[in-house]
Amino acid sequence: MQVIKIGTRESRLAVVQAEVVASYIHRFCEGKEPQLVKMKTTGDKILDRTLYKVGGKGLFVKELDRSLREGSTDISVHSLKDVPMEVSRDLPLLGVSAREDARDVLVLPFGFTELNPALPLGTSSPRRMIQLGRLFPQMEIKSVRGNVQTRLAKLDGGEYSGLVLAAAGLKRLGLEGRISRYFTVEEMVPAAGQGMLAIQGREGEDYRYLEGFFDEKAACCARAERSFVRALDGGCSSPIAAYAKITSAGNHMGVEDSGGEEVLNLTGLYAREGSREYRTASVAGRKQEAQRLGEELAREIKNFA
């Protein structure tokens, strides 16, 4: 029996996500036994400052990357939205899962049915902050750090009137009942990769046993979203968002002669650093051109932002 060591952050959500991969290996990969290796990352330790002030999303993967390189783990499981846009060649992204709900949601304190304007709305990302400023202009928007349970404790303890979180994380934790409102992807453009799990491995290793876990449509969407953000040099300090979906084709949204192929529709959001004003735009094309579509939309939106 070959033991497959799965690196994961030690937060409850990260462990639940790693267990999704472990379950797949246990059920479908004969001769392989999954084992979780939990670790606290630098990003989990620094909770008194916003991420962009201390190094960005890379702080959530540094320790997992080191473990992979040293051979202490065989794969790492991440929320794709937490994976930096530039990935080391020796530690490639092997693939992504089918997408969970990509939407952002509003969570209110227990027993409340509406926001209290005397208390701030809590969120951890510049992307959400600028969009919430337009949706709730009367509300103070304040940063909140920590894992989901820590944030919910602060909310229920009276520090915030509401939190904005990812639907996918709450659903995976069995906390769907805490959701008070779903924002449409038009109201709140999601983070690139939101709702997808990514598996990272070592260059040169044989990972064919994971092929059945990966989702081709989600991979196309991820490629478009991440190429859009990468083309804008996007990191945690830049309010950037991207959401792609694949629909049936035909002559759709200006995509001519598609021959019945499926069409990828990509929406992007961009705000220059330090600005509270933002622009959204969309593009559509063949899903096989996902990377080019992301780059094309980035050029268009940057010229008019």
Protein backbone atom coordinates (compact mmCIF):
# COMPACT_ATOMS: atom_id res chain seq x y z
CA MET A 1 0.00 0.00 0.00
CA GLN A 2 1.44 3.37 -1.05
CA VAL A 3 0.77 6.18 1.41
CA ILE A 4 -0.12 9.49 -0.30
CA LYS A 5 0.72 12.33 2.09
CA ILE A 6 -1.59 15.31 1.54
CA GLY A 7 -0.34 18.70 2.74
CA THR A 8 -2.98 21.07 4.07
CA ARG A 9 -3.35 24.11 6.27
CA GLU A 10 -4.66 23.16 9.69
CA SER A 11 -7.79 25.35 9.62
CA ARG A 12 -11.05 23.41 9.71
CA LEU A 13 -12.03 24.52 6.21
CA ALA A 14 -8.65 23.56 4.73
CA VAL A 15 -8.83 20.14 6.40
CA VAL A 16 -12.36 19.54 5.11
CA GLN A 17 -11.17 20.42 1.60
CA ALA A 18 -8.17 18.09 1.88
CA GLU A 19 -10.53 15.36 3.10
CA VAL A 20 -12.47 15.70 -0.19
CA VAL A 21 -9.29 14.70 -2.04
CA ALA A 22 -8.45 12.02 0.52
CA SER A 23 -11.92 10.51 0.08
CA TYR A 24 -11.43 10.35 -3.68
CA ILE A 25 -8.07 8.58 -3.30
CA HIS A 26 -9.52 6.15 -0.74
CA ARG A 27 -12.49 5.26 -2.97
CA PHE A 28 -10.99 5.24 -6.44
CA CYS A 29 -7.22 4.76 -6.23
CA GLU A 30 -6.51 1.11 -5.52
CA GLY A 31 -3.27 0.46 -3.69
CA LYS A 32 -3.02 4.01 -2.31
CA GLU A 33 -3.82 5.21 1.18
CA PRO A 34 -4.29 8.96 1.86
CA GLN A 35 -2.80 10.60 4.95
CA LEU A 36 -3.29 14.26 5.90
CA VAL A 37 -0.29 16.33 6.97
CA LYS A 38 -1.57 19.49 8.67
CA MET A 39 0.50 22.62 9.12
CA LYS A 40 0.13 26.23 10.20
CA THR A 41 1.22 28.66 7.50
CA THR A 42 2.67 32.14 7.92
CA GLY A 43 -0.62 33.59 6.67
CA ASP A 44 -2.47 31.78 9.46
CA LYS A 45 -0.12 33.17 12.10
CA ILE A 46 -0.28 36.87 11.12
CA LEU A 47 -3.78 38.05 11.98
CA ASP A 48 -3.26 41.67 13.01
CA ARG A 49 -2.53 43.05 9.53
CA THR A 50 -4.16 42.83 6.12
CA LEU A 51 -2.52 40.32 3.78
CA TYR A 52 -1.26 42.78 1.18
CA LYS A 53 0.78 44.56 3.88
CA VAL A 54 2.67 41.40 4.86
CA GLY A 55 3.28 39.52 1.64
CA GLY A 56 0.03 38.54 -0.06
CA LYS A 57 -1.48 35.15 -0.76
CA GLY A 58 1.90 33.44 -0.98
CA LEU A 59 1.95 33.43 2.81
CA PHE A 60 -0.68 30.67 2.76
CA VAL A 61 1.39 28.29 0.62
CA LYS A 62 5.05 28.80 1.62
CA GLU A 63 5.13 26.02 4.20
CA LEU A 64 3.18 23.64 1.99
CA ASP A 65 5.57 24.32 -0.90
CA ARG A 66 8.57 23.62 1.32
CA SER A 67 7.05 20.35 2.47
CA LEU A 68 6.47 19.26 -1.13
CA ARG A 69 10.04 20.09 -2.15
CA GLU A 70 11.48 18.23 0.83
CA GLY A 71 9.35 15.16 0.08
CA SER A 72 7.49 15.35 3.39
CA THR A 73 4.25 15.46 1.41
CA ASP A 74 3.25 14.17 -2.01
CA ILE A 75 0.56 16.70 -2.93
CA SER A 76 -0.92 19.90 -1.49
CA VAL A 77 -4.59 20.87 -1.52
CA HIS A 78 -5.50 24.56 -1.78
CA SER A 79 -8.46 26.79 -2.40
CA LEU A 80 -7.51 27.91 -5.90
CA LYS A 81 -8.25 31.54 -5.03
CA ASP A 82 -5.43 31.37 -2.43
CA VAL A 83 -2.82 30.15 -4.93
CA PRO A 84 -0.50 32.93 -6.21
CA MET A 85 -0.78 33.66 -9.93
CA GLU A 86 2.83 32.67 -10.51
CA VAL A 87 3.49 29.04 -9.58
CA SER A 88 6.99 27.52 -9.47
CA ARG A 89 7.72 25.18 -12.38
CA ASP A 90 8.97 22.48 -10.02
CA LEU A 91 5.64 22.53 -8.12
CA PRO A 92 2.98 22.60 -10.87
CA LEU A 93 -0.75 22.83 -10.40
CA LEU A 94 -1.97 19.37 -11.42
CA GLY A 95 -5.62 20.30 -11.87
CA VAL A 96 -8.75 21.67 -10.25
CA SER A 97 -12.00 20.23 -8.93
CA ALA A 98 -15.47 20.89 -10.25
CA ARG A 99 -16.57 24.28 -8.96
CA GLU A 100 -18.68 24.66 -5.82
CA ASP A 101 -20.90 27.72 -5.54
CA ALA A 102 -18.72 30.67 -6.63
CA ARG A 103 -20.89 33.38 -5.06
CA ASP A 104 -20.15 35.62 -2.08
CA VAL A 105 -22.71 35.71 0.72
CA LEU A 106 -23.82 37.89 3.62
CA VAL A 107 -23.84 36.38 7.11
CA LEU A 108 -25.67 38.15 9.95
CA PRO A 109 -25.28 37.59 13.71
CA PHE A 110 -27.46 34.93 15.25
CA GLY A 111 -30.99 36.25 15.75
CA PHE A 112 -30.65 39.21 13.36
CA THR A 113 -32.54 39.66 10.10
CA GLU A 114 -30.96 42.89 8.86
CA LEU A 115 -27.74 44.89 9.09
CA ASN A 116 -27.11 47.24 12.00
CA PRO A 117 -25.74 50.46 10.45
CA ALA A 118 -24.01 51.32 13.72
CA LEU A 119 -21.58 48.41 13.28
CA PRO A 120 -19.17 47.73 10.38
CA LEU A 121 -19.43 45.11 7.67
CA GLY A 122 -16.49 42.71 7.87
CA THR A 123 -14.46 41.34 4.97
CA SER A 124 -10.85 40.45 4.32
CA SER A 125 -10.35 41.37 0.67
CA PRO A 126 -9.97 44.66 -1.24
CA ARG A 127 -12.09 43.06 -4.00
CA ARG A 128 -15.06 42.72 -1.68
CA MET A 129 -14.46 46.05 0.03
CA ILE A 130 -14.85 48.18 -3.09
CA GLN A 131 -17.91 46.28 -4.29
CA LEU A 132 -19.56 46.49 -0.87
CA GLY A 133 -18.91 50.24 -0.88
CA ARG A 134 -21.19 50.51 -3.88
CA LEU A 135 -23.82 48.06 -2.57
CA PHE A 136 -23.90 49.50 0.96
CA PRO A 137 -22.71 53.12 0.72
CA GLN A 138 -24.09 53.89 4.19
CA MET A 139 -22.04 51.16 5.89
CA GLU A 140 -18.50 51.21 7.26
CA ILE A 141 -16.47 48.40 5.69
CA LYS A 142 -13.82 47.00 8.02
CA SER A 143 -11.16 44.32 7.60
CA VAL A 144 -11.54 41.05 9.50
CA ARG A 145 -8.95 38.25 9.63
CA GLY A 146 -8.89 34.69 10.92
CA ASN A 147 -10.47 31.41 9.88
CA VAL A 148 -14.20 31.11 9.31
CA GLN A 149 -14.97 30.08 12.89
CA THR A 150 -12.91 32.97 14.30
CA ARG A 151 -14.72 35.47 12.07
CA LEU A 152 -18.13 34.08 13.01
CA ALA A 153 -17.21 34.38 16.70
CA LYS A 154 -16.34 38.06 16.19
CA LEU A 155 -19.63 38.57 14.34
CA ASP A 156 -21.75 36.89 17.01
CA GLY A 157 -19.76 38.70 19.70
CA GLY A 158 -21.04 42.05 18.47
CA GLU A 159 -17.98 43.40 16.63
CA TYR A 160 -19.62 43.45 13.19
CA SER A 161 -23.09 43.90 11.76
CA GLY A 162 -22.39 41.30 9.11
CA LEU A 163 -19.66 39.34 7.33
CA VAL A 164 -19.15 38.71 3.64
CA LEU A 165 -17.74 35.25 3.00
CA ALA A 166 -17.53 32.70 0.19
CA ALA A 167 -20.57 30.45 -0.16
CA ALA A 168 -18.34 27.49 -1.02
CA GLY A 169 -16.48 27.55 2.29
CA LEU A 170 -19.62 27.78 4.40
CA LYS A 171 -21.24 24.94 2.46
CA ARG A 172 -18.20 22.70 2.83
CA LEU A 173 -18.22 23.38 6.58
CA GLY A 174 -21.92 22.53 6.89
CA LEU A 175 -22.71 26.16 7.75
CA GLU A 176 -25.03 26.92 4.86
CA GLY A 177 -27.73 27.76 7.40
CA ARG A 178 -25.78 30.87 8.44
CA ILE A 179 -26.20 32.45 5.00
CA SER A 180 -28.61 35.40 5.04
CA ARG A 181 -28.19 36.54 1.44
CA TYR A 182 -26.50 35.34 -1.72
CA PHE A 183 -24.96 38.05 -3.89
CA THR A 184 -25.27 37.43 -7.60
CA VAL A 185 -22.01 37.27 -9.55
CA GLU A 186 -23.08 40.55 -11.15
CA GLU A 187 -23.48 42.27 -7.76
CA MET A 188 -20.21 40.88 -6.40
CA VAL A 189 -17.78 39.55 -9.01
CA PRO A 190 -16.02 36.61 -7.29
CA ALA A 191 -12.30 36.10 -6.83
CA ALA A 192 -10.51 34.20 -9.59
CA GLY A 193 -10.83 30.50 -8.81
CA GLN A 194 -13.39 30.94 -6.04
CA GLY A 195 -15.16 27.65 -5.28
CA MET A 196 -12.48 25.43 -6.86
CA LEU A 197 -9.98 23.16 -5.12
CA ALA A 198 -6.50 22.95 -6.62
CA ILE A 199 -4.00 20.13 -6.23
CA GLN A 200 -0.31 20.91 -6.46
CA GLY A 201 2.44 18.33 -6.94
CA ARG A 202 6.11 17.87 -7.80
CA GLU A 203 7.48 18.08 -11.32
CA GLY A 204 8.32 14.68 -12.78
CA GLU A 205 6.06 12.62 -10.48
CA ASP A 206 3.30 10.32 -11.78
CA TYR A 207 -0.08 11.69 -10.74
CA ARG A 208 -2.30 9.85 -13.21
CA TYR A 209 -4.25 8.38 -10.29
CA LEU A 210 -5.79 11.84 -9.73
CA GLU A 211 -7.06 12.37 -13.28
CA GLY A 212 -10.64 11.37 -12.41
CA PHE A 213 -10.80 14.06 -9.72
CA PHE A 214 -10.14 16.94 -12.08
CA ASP A 215 -12.80 18.83 -14.02
CA GLU A 216 -12.05 20.03 -17.56
CA LYS A 217 -14.67 22.81 -17.67
CA ALA A 218 -13.55 24.20 -14.33
CA ALA A 219 -9.95 24.12 -15.56
CA CYS A 220 -10.90 26.23 -18.61
CA CYS A 221 -12.66 28.76 -16.39
CA ALA A 222 -9.69 28.86 -14.00
CA ARG A 223 -7.29 29.41 -16.89
CA ALA A 224 -9.30 32.40 -18.15
CA GLU A 225 -9.76 33.94 -14.70
CA ARG A 226 -6.15 33.55 -13.65
CA SER A 227 -4.77 34.82 -16.97
CA PHE A 228 -6.91 37.95 -16.56
CA VAL A 229 -5.54 38.60 -13.06
CA ARG A 230 -1.98 37.74 -14.08
CA ALA A 231 -2.11 40.14 -17.03
CA LEU A 232 -3.05 42.93 -14.63
CA ASP A 233 -0.24 42.01 -12.22
CA GLY A 234 -2.92 41.29 -9.68
CA GLY A 235 -2.21 40.46 -6.06
CA CYS A 236 -3.88 40.96 -2.73
CA SER A 237 -3.29 44.73 -2.84
CA SER A 238 -5.12 45.18 -6.15
CA PRO A 239 -8.93 45.02 -6.25
CA ILE A 240 -9.28 42.54 -9.12
CA ALA A 241 -11.94 39.89 -9.69
CA ALA A 242 -12.79 37.44 -12.45
CA TYR A 243 -15.58 34.95 -13.05
CA ALA A 244 -15.96 32.63 -16.02
CA LYS A 245 -18.73 30.23 -16.98
CA ILE A 246 -19.21 27.93 -19.93
CA THR A 247 -22.50 27.95 -21.82
CA SER A 248 -23.94 26.32 -24.91
CA ALA A 249 -22.79 28.04 -28.04
CA GLY A 250 -24.45 29.03 -31.26
CA ASN A 251 -23.88 32.62 -32.36
CA HIS A 252 -23.54 33.77 -28.76
CA MET A 253 -22.37 37.15 -27.49
CA GLY A 254 -20.59 37.92 -30.74
CA VAL A 255 -18.90 34.53 -31.07
CA GLU A 256 -19.48 33.70 -34.73
CA ASP A 257 -19.20 30.35 -36.49
CA SER A 258 -18.74 28.45 -33.26
CA GLY A 259 -19.98 25.27 -34.89
CA GLY A 260 -21.97 24.27 -31.84
CA GLU A 261 -18.96 24.42 -29.51
CA GLU A 262 -19.36 25.58 -25.94
CA VAL A 263 -18.55 29.21 -25.23
CA LEU A 264 -16.60 30.64 -22.31
CA ASN A 265 -18.00 33.89 -20.90
CA LEU A 266 -15.59 35.87 -18.73
CA THR A 267 -16.39 38.89 -16.57
CA GLY A 268 -13.59 40.88 -14.99
CA LEU A 269 -13.38 43.68 -12.43
CA TYR A 270 -10.47 46.05 -12.05
CA ALA A 271 -9.67 49.08 -9.89
CA ARG A 272 -6.37 50.86 -9.83
CA GLU A 273 -4.58 50.52 -6.52
CA GLY A 274 -5.74 53.17 -4.09
CA SER A 275 -8.93 53.89 -6.03
CA ARG A 276 -12.43 53.06 -4.82
CA GLU A 277 -13.81 53.31 -8.34
CA TYR A 278 -13.84 50.17 -10.42
CA ARG A 279 -14.84 48.95 -13.85
CA THR A 280 -16.31 45.66 -15.01
CA ALA A 281 -16.33 44.27 -18.54
CA SER A 282 -16.99 40.95 -20.25
CA VAL A 283 -15.74 38.93 -23.19
CA ALA A 284 -16.82 35.64 -24.77
CA GLY A 285 -15.06 33.11 -26.97
CA ARG A 286 -14.21 29.47 -27.47
CA LYS A 287 -13.27 27.72 -24.26
CA GLN A 288 -10.08 26.42 -25.90
CA GLU A 289 -8.89 30.06 -26.00
CA ALA A 290 -9.38 30.63 -22.28
CA GLN A 291 -5.95 32.13 -21.63
CA ARG A 292 -6.16 34.47 -24.60
CA LEU A 293 -9.63 35.65 -23.54
CA GLY A 294 -8.34 36.54 -20.10
CA GLU A 295 -5.45 38.50 -21.53
CA GLU A 296 -7.71 40.24 -24.03
CA LEU A 297 -10.16 41.33 -21.34
CA ALA A 298 -7.31 42.57 -19.15
CA ARG A 299 -6.05 44.84 -21.92
CA GLU A 300 -9.52 46.19 -22.58
CA ILE A 301 -10.41 46.87 -18.96
CA LYS A 302 -7.06 48.45 -18.11
CA ASN A 303 -7.35 50.92 -20.96
CA PHE A 304 -10.68 52.22 -19.68
CA ALA A 305 -10.31 51.89 -15.91
